[in-house]
Protein backbone atom coordinates (compact mmCIF):
# COMPACT_ATOMS: atom_id res chain seq x y z
CA MET A 1 1.70 -4.72 -26.82
CA SER A 2 4.34 -6.49 -28.91
CA PRO A 3 3.47 -9.32 -31.34
CA ALA A 4 5.45 -11.74 -29.15
CA ARG A 5 3.32 -10.88 -26.14
CA ARG A 6 0.11 -11.27 -28.12
CA ALA A 7 1.21 -14.67 -29.42
CA ALA A 8 2.28 -15.92 -26.01
CA LEU A 9 -0.94 -14.89 -24.34
CA ALA A 10 -3.11 -16.32 -27.10
CA LEU A 11 -1.33 -19.66 -26.77
CA ALA A 12 -1.58 -19.63 -23.02
CA VAL A 13 -5.36 -19.48 -22.89
CA THR A 14 -8.02 -21.68 -24.41
CA SER A 15 -8.43 -22.32 -28.12
CA ALA A 16 -11.76 -20.53 -27.95
CA LEU A 17 -9.99 -17.38 -26.88
CA ALA A 18 -7.49 -17.68 -29.71
CA THR A 19 -10.41 -17.91 -32.18
CA SER A 20 -12.14 -14.88 -30.68
CA VAL A 21 -8.98 -12.79 -30.98
CA THR A 22 -8.99 -13.15 -34.76
CA ALA A 23 -12.76 -12.97 -35.23
CA ALA A 24 -13.80 -10.09 -32.99
CA ALA A 25 -13.28 -6.40 -33.68
CA PRO A 26 -9.94 -5.35 -32.15
CA THR A 27 -9.96 -3.65 -28.77
CA ALA A 28 -7.20 -1.27 -27.75
CA ASP A 29 -4.72 -2.72 -25.27
CA TYR A 30 -5.61 -1.80 -21.68
CA ASP A 31 -9.02 -0.51 -22.69
CA LEU A 32 -11.68 -0.51 -19.95
CA ASP A 33 -13.76 -3.14 -21.76
CA ALA A 34 -14.70 -5.97 -19.41
CA THR A 35 -14.81 -8.73 -22.03
CA ALA A 36 -11.92 -8.21 -24.48
CA TRP A 37 -8.96 -10.39 -23.55
CA ASN A 38 -6.44 -7.54 -23.80
CA ALA A 39 -8.48 -4.97 -21.81
CA VAL A 40 -8.61 -4.25 -18.07
CA GLY A 41 -12.30 -3.84 -17.27
CA TYR A 42 -12.18 -7.02 -15.19
CA LEU A 43 -9.48 -5.39 -13.05
CA VAL A 44 -12.03 -2.78 -12.00
CA THR A 45 -14.47 -5.60 -11.19
CA THR A 46 -11.77 -7.32 -9.15
CA GLY A 47 -11.25 -4.08 -7.24
CA THR A 48 -14.96 -3.90 -6.44
CA GLU A 49 -14.87 -7.48 -5.18
CA ALA A 50 -11.88 -6.55 -2.99
CA ARG A 51 -13.82 -3.54 -1.66
CA VAL A 52 -11.64 -1.00 -3.42
CA ASP A 53 -13.17 2.04 -5.12
CA VAL A 54 -11.20 2.07 -8.40
CA GLU A 55 -11.38 5.38 -10.27
CA PRO A 56 -10.18 5.18 -13.91
CA THR A 57 -8.46 8.49 -14.62
CA ALA A 58 -8.09 9.69 -18.21
CA ALA A 59 -6.48 13.03 -17.24
CA LEU A 60 -4.31 13.49 -14.13
CA ASP A 61 -3.99 17.05 -12.82
CA LEU A 62 -0.87 16.96 -10.67
CA SER A 63 -1.81 20.22 -8.96
CA GLN A 64 -4.83 18.44 -7.44
CA LEU A 65 -2.87 15.36 -6.33
CA ARG A 66 -2.75 14.87 -2.57
CA PRO A 67 -0.12 12.82 -0.71
CA ASP A 68 -2.66 10.41 0.80
CA GLU A 69 -3.71 9.10 -2.63
CA VAL A 70 -2.81 5.76 -4.24
CA LEU A 71 -2.08 5.60 -7.98
CA LEU A 72 -1.90 2.43 -10.11
CA TRP A 73 -0.34 3.23 -13.50
CA LEU A 74 -0.35 0.56 -16.22
CA TYR A 75 2.07 0.71 -19.16
CA PRO A 76 2.51 4.52 -19.45
CA GLN A 77 3.30 5.66 -22.99
CA SER A 78 3.99 9.39 -22.71
CA GLU A 79 6.93 11.00 -20.92
CA LEU A 80 6.39 10.87 -17.15
CA PRO A 81 6.87 13.94 -14.92
CA VAL A 82 9.72 12.44 -12.90
CA ALA A 83 10.26 15.38 -10.52
CA ASP A 84 6.55 15.76 -9.72
CA LEU A 85 5.91 12.07 -9.13
CA SER A 86 9.09 11.76 -7.04
CA ALA A 87 7.93 14.66 -4.86
CA PHE A 88 4.50 13.02 -4.51
CA VAL A 89 6.04 9.79 -3.25
CA ASP A 90 8.47 11.65 -1.00
CA ASP A 91 5.51 13.46 0.60
CA GLY A 92 3.96 10.12 1.56
CA GLY A 93 2.10 9.21 -1.63
CA HIS A 94 1.94 5.70 -3.06
CA LEU A 95 2.59 4.94 -6.73
CA ILE A 96 2.14 1.43 -8.11
CA LEU A 97 3.85 1.33 -11.51
CA ALA A 98 3.37 -1.75 -13.72
CA ASP A 99 5.46 -1.42 -16.86
CA ASP A 100 7.82 -3.44 -19.02
CA GLN A 101 8.25 -1.61 -22.32
CA GLY A 102 6.63 1.77 -21.63
CA SER A 103 8.04 5.15 -20.64
CA SER A 104 8.74 4.50 -16.97
CA ALA A 105 12.51 3.87 -17.19
CA PRO A 106 13.54 7.43 -16.22
CA LEU A 107 11.19 7.42 -13.21
CA LEU A 108 12.42 4.01 -12.10
CA ALA A 109 16.00 5.24 -12.46
CA ALA A 110 15.20 8.21 -10.20
CA PHE A 111 14.40 5.65 -7.48
CA GLY A 112 17.51 3.61 -8.23
CA ILE A 113 15.69 0.80 -10.07
CA GLU A 114 16.94 -0.57 -13.38
CA ARG A 115 14.76 -2.38 -15.92
CA ALA A 116 15.98 -5.20 -18.19
CA PRO A 117 13.83 -6.18 -21.20
CA ALA A 118 13.41 -9.86 -20.27
CA PRO A 119 13.55 -12.24 -17.32
CA PRO A 120 16.89 -13.92 -16.61
CA ALA A 121 17.79 -17.05 -18.57
CA SER A 122 18.29 -18.85 -15.26
CA HIS A 123 14.53 -18.91 -14.57
CA ARG A 124 13.31 -22.51 -14.76
CA ARG A 125 9.50 -22.59 -14.58
CA TRP A 126 7.41 -21.61 -17.61
CA PHE A 127 3.67 -22.05 -18.07
CA GLU A 128 3.15 -25.19 -20.18
CA GLY A 129 6.77 -24.86 -21.29
CA GLN A 130 6.08 -21.67 -23.25
CA ASP A 131 8.93 -19.23 -23.52
CA GLY A 132 7.84 -15.82 -22.26
CA LEU A 133 5.35 -17.03 -19.64
CA PRO A 134 7.39 -17.44 -16.43
CA VAL A 135 5.70 -18.87 -13.35
CA LEU A 136 6.81 -17.31 -10.06
CA SER A 137 6.14 -18.71 -6.61
CA PRO A 138 5.91 -16.18 -3.75
CA ALA A 139 8.07 -16.67 -0.69
CA GLY A 140 7.19 -15.36 2.75
CA ASP A 141 3.97 -13.91 4.13
CA HIS A 142 4.00 -10.47 2.50
CA PHE A 143 0.58 -8.82 2.20
CA LEU A 144 0.77 -9.13 -1.61
CA PHE A 145 0.91 -12.93 -1.37
CA PHE A 146 -2.19 -13.49 0.73
CA ASN A 147 -4.00 -16.47 -0.85
CA VAL A 148 -1.53 -16.53 -3.78
CA ASP A 149 0.30 -19.76 -4.66
CA GLU A 150 1.82 -18.67 -7.96
CA ILE A 151 1.80 -15.82 -10.49
CA VAL A 152 2.10 -16.18 -14.26
CA ALA A 153 3.70 -13.26 -16.09
CA ASN A 154 3.69 -12.57 -19.84
CA HIS A 155 7.01 -11.45 -21.34
CA PRO A 156 7.88 -9.39 -18.23
CA ALA A 157 10.79 -7.08 -17.64
CA ALA A 158 13.29 -7.85 -14.89
CA LEU A 159 14.00 -5.27 -12.18
CA THR A 160 17.30 -4.80 -10.34
CA GLY A 161 19.00 -2.12 -8.26
CA ALA A 162 17.65 -0.31 -5.20
CA GLY A 163 14.55 -1.20 -3.23
CA SER A 164 13.27 -4.24 -1.40
CA PRO A 165 12.67 -7.31 -3.62
CA ILE A 166 9.14 -8.60 -3.16
CA LEU A 167 8.86 -11.28 -5.88
CA SER A 168 11.97 -12.62 -7.62
CA PHE A 169 12.84 -14.80 -10.57
CA ASP A 170 14.79 -18.00 -9.92
CA GLY A 171 18.23 -17.17 -8.59
CA GLY A 172 17.04 -14.10 -6.70
CA ASP A 173 19.19 -11.57 -8.57
CA ALA A 174 16.38 -10.15 -10.75
CA HIS A 175 12.85 -9.37 -9.66
CA LEU A 176 9.32 -8.99 -10.94
CA VAL A 177 8.16 -6.83 -8.01
CA VAL A 178 10.26 -4.31 -6.06
CA GLU A 179 9.22 -1.77 -3.43
CA ARG A 180 11.12 1.44 -2.78
CA ARG A 181 10.07 3.33 0.36
CA VAL A 182 11.17 6.94 0.76
CA GLY A 183 10.36 10.16 2.59
CA ALA A 184 7.22 10.36 4.70
CA GLY A 185 6.29 6.69 4.45
CA GLY A 186 5.64 6.99 0.72
CA ALA A 187 6.45 4.14 -1.64
CA LEU A 188 6.96 3.19 -5.26
CA LEU A 189 5.83 -0.37 -5.98
CA ALA A 190 7.40 -1.36 -9.31
CA ILE A 191 5.97 -4.36 -11.18
CA GLY A 192 7.78 -5.52 -14.32
CA ASP A 193 4.67 -6.72 -16.15
CA PRO A 194 1.48 -4.73 -16.76
CA SER A 195 -0.14 -7.58 -18.67
CA ILE A 196 -0.67 -9.46 -15.39
CA PHE A 197 -3.67 -7.14 -14.98
CA LEU A 198 -5.28 -7.88 -18.37
CA ASN A 199 -8.74 -9.46 -18.34
CA GLN A 200 -7.66 -12.87 -19.56
CA MET A 201 -4.60 -13.07 -17.33
CA LEU A 202 -6.85 -12.44 -14.33
CA ARG A 203 -9.55 -14.87 -15.44
CA ARG A 204 -7.17 -17.62 -16.55
CA PHE A 205 -4.87 -17.57 -13.52
CA TYR A 206 -6.42 -17.30 -10.08
CA GLY A 207 -3.13 -16.32 -8.46
CA ASN A 208 -2.95 -13.29 -10.75
CA LYS A 209 -6.48 -12.22 -9.79
CA GLN A 210 -5.77 -12.49 -6.06
CA PHE A 211 -2.43 -10.75 -6.52
CA ALA A 212 -4.18 -7.89 -8.34
CA ALA A 213 -6.67 -7.57 -5.47
CA ASN A 214 -3.83 -7.48 -2.96
CA VAL A 215 -1.96 -4.87 -5.02
CA MET A 216 -5.01 -2.62 -4.94
CA ARG A 217 -5.27 -2.97 -1.14
CA VAL A 218 -1.62 -3.01 -0.09
CA TYR A 219 -1.52 0.74 0.62
CA CYS A 220 -5.09 1.00 1.88
CA GLU A 221 -4.91 2.48 5.36
CA HIS A 222 -8.57 3.26 5.99
CA GLU A 223 -11.87 1.89 4.74
CA PRO A 224 -13.22 2.44 2.18
CA CYS A 225 -10.10 1.92 0.06
CA ARG A 226 -9.68 4.22 -2.92
CA LEU A 227 -7.32 3.93 -5.87
CA ARG A 228 -6.85 5.90 -9.09
CA LEU A 229 -6.25 3.75 -12.16
CA LEU A 230 -4.04 5.40 -14.80
CA LEU A 231 -3.85 3.81 -18.25
CA PRO A 232 -1.36 4.03 -21.14
CA ASP A 233 -3.15 7.00 -22.69
CA THR A 234 -3.71 8.94 -19.44
CA THR A 235 -2.64 12.55 -19.93
CA VAL A 236 -0.82 14.59 -17.29
CA SER A 237 -1.04 18.33 -16.64
CA GLY A 238 0.01 20.81 -13.96
CA HIS A 239 2.64 20.35 -11.30
CA TYR A 240 2.54 18.65 -7.93
CA THR A 241 2.27 21.27 -5.20
CA GLY A 242 1.77 19.19 -2.05
CA GLY A 243 4.87 20.62 -0.44
CA LEU A 244 3.96 19.52 3.09
CA GLY A 245 6.79 17.03 3.44
CA ARG A 246 6.30 14.08 5.71
CA PHE A 247 3.10 15.51 7.23
CA GLY A 248 1.33 15.88 3.90
CA ALA A 249 -2.29 15.55 4.94
CA LEU A 250 -2.21 17.98 7.86
CA PRO A 251 -5.68 19.50 7.41
CA ARG A 252 -7.19 16.03 7.77
CA LEU A 253 -4.83 15.20 10.63
CA PHE A 254 -5.90 18.36 12.44
CA GLU A 255 -9.51 17.21 12.39
CA ARG A 256 -8.53 13.78 13.68
CA ALA A 257 -6.18 15.07 16.38
CA ALA A 258 -8.78 16.66 18.67
CA THR A 259 -10.88 13.50 18.57
CA ALA A 260 -7.82 11.34 19.15
CA ILE A 261 -6.88 13.27 22.28
CA ASN A 262 -10.25 12.69 23.89
CA ASP A 263 -10.19 9.05 22.80
CA ALA A 264 -6.76 8.68 24.38
CA LEU A 265 -7.96 10.04 27.70
CA ALA A 266 -10.94 7.70 27.64
CA ALA A 267 -8.61 4.79 26.84
CA LEU A 268 -6.37 5.70 29.77
CA ASN A 269 -9.30 5.68 32.17
CA SER A 270 -10.59 2.34 30.90
CA THR A 271 -7.26 0.51 30.76
CA LEU A 272 -5.63 1.36 34.10
CA THR A 273 -6.65 -2.06 35.44
CA GLU A 274 -5.56 -3.96 32.31
CA PRO A 275 -2.09 -5.41 31.46
CA PRO A 276 0.72 -2.81 31.30
CA TRP A 277 1.04 -2.98 27.51
CA SER A 278 -2.49 -1.63 27.11
CA VAL A 279 -1.62 1.41 29.21
CA SER A 280 1.54 1.92 27.16
CA ILE A 281 -0.42 1.97 23.93
CA ALA A 282 -2.89 4.47 25.36
CA LEU A 283 -0.02 6.71 26.44
CA LEU A 284 1.49 6.50 22.98
CA LEU A 285 -1.79 7.56 21.43
CA ALA A 286 -2.02 10.54 23.76
CA LEU A 287 1.48 11.58 22.73
CA VAL A 288 0.75 11.25 19.02
CA ALA A 289 -2.58 13.01 19.25
CA ALA A 290 -1.05 15.98 21.04
CA MET A 291 1.75 16.12 18.50
CA LEU A 292 -0.63 15.98 15.56
CA LEU A 293 -2.56 18.90 16.93
CA ALA A 294 0.64 20.91 17.38
CA LEU A 295 1.79 20.01 13.88
CA ALA A 296 -1.50 21.04 12.36
CA LEU A 297 -1.37 24.37 14.11
CA ALA A 298 2.19 24.92 12.95
CA ALA A 299 1.25 24.08 9.37
CA TRP A 300 -1.26 26.90 9.33
CA ARG A 301 1.47 29.35 10.43
CA ARG A 302 0.06 29.82 13.90
CA PRO A 303 2.33 30.30 16.91
CA VAL A 304 3.72 27.00 18.19
CA GLU A 305 2.45 27.13 21.73
CA ALA A 306 1.03 24.57 24.08
CA PRO A 307 -2.16 23.26 22.40
CA ALA A 308 -5.50 23.66 24.11
CA LEU A 309 -5.92 20.09 25.27
CA ALA A 310 -8.89 18.33 26.78
CA VAL A 311 -9.41 18.69 30.53
CA GLY A 312 -7.13 16.32 32.40
CA VAL A 313 -3.87 16.85 30.47
CA PRO A 314 -1.48 19.24 32.24
CA ALA A 315 -0.55 22.24 30.08
CA ARG A 316 3.18 21.59 30.61
CA SER A 317 3.17 17.81 30.60
CA PRO A 318 6.04 15.88 28.93
CA ILE A 319 3.58 14.87 26.20
CA VAL A 320 2.96 18.50 25.24
CA ALA A 321 6.64 19.42 25.56
CA GLU A 322 7.70 16.68 23.15
CA ALA A 323 4.85 17.52 20.79
CA ILE A 324 5.95 21.15 20.63
CA GLY A 325 9.57 20.15 20.13
CA LEU A 326 8.76 17.84 17.26
CA ALA A 327 6.44 20.40 15.71
CA ALA A 328 9.26 22.92 15.64
CA VAL A 329 11.38 20.54 13.56
CA ARG A 330 8.54 18.83 11.74
CA SER A 331 10.51 18.36 8.52
CA ASP A 332 12.82 15.94 10.39
CA ALA A 333 10.41 14.42 12.91
CA ASP A 334 10.47 10.64 12.97
CA PHE A 335 8.23 8.33 14.99
CA SER A 336 10.38 5.23 14.47
CA ALA A 337 11.21 4.81 18.17
CA LEU A 338 7.56 5.02 19.18
CA ALA A 339 6.59 2.69 16.35
CA LEU A 340 9.13 0.11 17.50
CA ALA A 341 7.65 0.22 20.99
CA LEU A 342 4.21 -0.36 19.53
CA ALA A 343 5.57 -3.11 17.28
CA GLU A 344 6.63 -5.06 20.38
CA GLN A 345 3.03 -5.04 21.55
CA ALA A 346 1.86 -6.07 18.09
CA GLU A 347 4.30 -8.99 18.06
CA HIS A 348 2.98 -10.06 21.45
CA LEU A 349 -0.55 -10.13 20.02
CA LEU A 350 0.48 -11.97 16.85
CA GLU A 351 2.75 -14.62 18.29
CA THR A 352 1.53 -18.21 17.91
CA ARG A 353 -1.40 -17.12 15.73
CA SER A 354 -1.87 -17.20 11.97
CA ILE A 355 -4.53 -15.08 10.33
CA GLU A 356 -6.69 -18.17 9.82
CA ASP A 357 -6.38 -19.13 13.50
CA TRP A 358 -7.25 -15.61 14.57
CA VAL A 359 -10.38 -15.47 12.43
CA ALA A 360 -11.41 -19.04 13.28
CA GLY A 361 -11.22 -18.20 16.96
CA HIS A 362 -13.83 -15.47 16.54
CA ARG A 363 -16.49 -17.18 14.49
CA ARG A 364 -18.89 -16.46 17.33
CA LEU A 365 -18.64 -12.72 17.27
CA PRO A 366 -19.33 -10.45 20.24
CA ARG A 367 -22.61 -8.59 20.24
CA GLY A 368 -22.69 -5.86 17.62
CA GLU A 369 -19.88 -7.37 15.52
CA THR A 370 -20.44 -8.58 11.95
CA THR A 371 -18.55 -10.46 9.29
CA GLU A 372 -17.42 -7.04 8.11
CA SER A 373 -15.32 -6.88 11.28
CA LEU A 374 -13.59 -10.12 10.35
CA HIS A 375 -12.78 -8.64 6.97
CA LEU A 376 -11.24 -5.57 8.64
CA LEU A 377 -9.37 -7.79 11.11
CA ARG A 378 -7.81 -9.86 8.33
CA HIS A 379 -6.41 -6.78 6.63
CA ALA A 380 -5.32 -5.21 9.92
CA VAL A 381 -3.28 -8.35 10.70
CA LEU A 382 -1.65 -8.23 7.27
CA ARG A 383 -0.81 -4.54 7.56
CA VAL A 384 0.61 -4.96 11.08
CA LYS A 385 2.82 -7.82 9.87
CA ARG A 386 3.97 -5.70 6.94
CA ASP A 387 4.77 -2.64 9.07
CA THR A 388 6.45 -4.67 11.82
CA ALA A 389 8.66 -6.44 9.27
CA SER A 390 9.53 -3.08 7.74
CA LEU A 391 10.53 -1.67 11.12
CA ARG A 392 12.76 -4.70 11.77
CA SER A 393 14.49 -4.50 8.38
CA ARG A 394 18.11 -3.46 7.92
CA GLN A 395 17.02 -0.07 6.58
CA PRO A 396 13.82 0.79 8.46
CA PRO A 397 11.83 3.67 6.95
CA ALA A 398 11.16 6.98 8.66
CA ILE A 399 7.76 6.84 10.33
CA SER A 400 5.53 9.89 9.91
CA ALA A 401 2.89 10.93 12.42
CA GLU A 402 0.10 9.85 10.10
CA ARG A 403 1.65 6.44 9.46
CA PHE A 404 2.12 5.87 13.20
CA VAL A 405 -1.54 6.67 13.86
CA ARG A 406 -2.57 4.18 11.19
CA PHE A 407 -0.29 1.55 12.72
CA TYR A 408 -1.78 2.24 16.14
CA GLU A 409 -5.34 1.85 14.81
CA ASP A 410 -4.48 -1.54 13.32
CA VAL A 411 -2.91 -2.74 16.59
CA GLN A 412 -6.03 -1.57 18.42
CA THR A 413 -8.13 -3.71 16.07
CA LEU A 414 -5.97 -6.72 16.96
CA ALA A 415 -6.28 -5.95 20.67
CA ARG A 416 -10.05 -5.70 20.43
CA PHE A 417 -10.33 -9.12 18.80
CA GLY A 418 -7.67 -10.60 21.02
CA ASN A 419 -9.76 -9.71 24.07
CA PRO A 420 -13.38 -10.00 22.88
CA ARG A 421 -16.13 -8.59 25.03
CA ARG A 422 -17.93 -11.09 27.17
């Protein structure tokens, strides 16, 4: 951390903190200590509070990295394996990279993102008028901004180039946060300031703490959330060998597919008397489940034949035919059309309701529900809004089978709360 950053942060916090910085034994920047102002132990605590299992990782073995993992890398110092990490993201992995002066420039460049050493001169708001501490106000209802009014950065870098701007400096031409989605629903979330996650920046500024919690949950698709925390001195070995393209977690999908098929049939039987959109969703699930099973079989080099489906699904039904067809060209399969159809149902459920209204309307929970369900509902609503907005964007991402299933599960959560049991 540069002397300018140290000075700015010391001035930004209380005088007691400034005294402790000179009196206490020095702690390495981004150490896991929970008390030192320049460490990140409180980030792990924040993750626990946000129900995220944060795993600090001193040594990353790329050969063991799976495409359904989430990595948060703070201020990397050694040369990054650009090809391996790019392949990980392309396979559907999620990399959150917070860096301003570290070694991430080549990796960012591989995703079309450029990094400038300072925020633009046109930015107007600074914490207590201090140069180097820009205050940014989120715009829109992105998942990252839930319960966040403003974020205070500390000598951040400015990001430009490719990707979707998430949080911008005044003027909108340079950004603090940019997301670049590629491949099988994978994403690089670039943040131009790792010091946002330091203990004192989280404790001093509530918006930073909530933002950090949201960052750790933004790519959480299933509970419990898990995230690997990589620090400046994290070492890297091996090479990424996922190699499964946009269906990277097929062994796990195979296990889920058989269950999903039976669940789909049960849903069909129970929803025939409900509104047409419910039947449509059930049919979509049956299609996806059959396809996942076919894909899993294909991944294990078995003949691509009609899967052995549960009783009640014709062996040569259109569902199976399309599943087999997509399995045969799995490297190019894209569920965007199906996802758009599901997004229409999601929009129907979400119209005229904010998250707060939705939760407030279910304070008296149906039998068997708990406050845990409200927690899951809140995050399902945020994820559905995020995915629907992504599908409606000018450059919608390719939708993998796994991502579609996750989207479906979130919409089902909304439907369950939208029509509570009597």
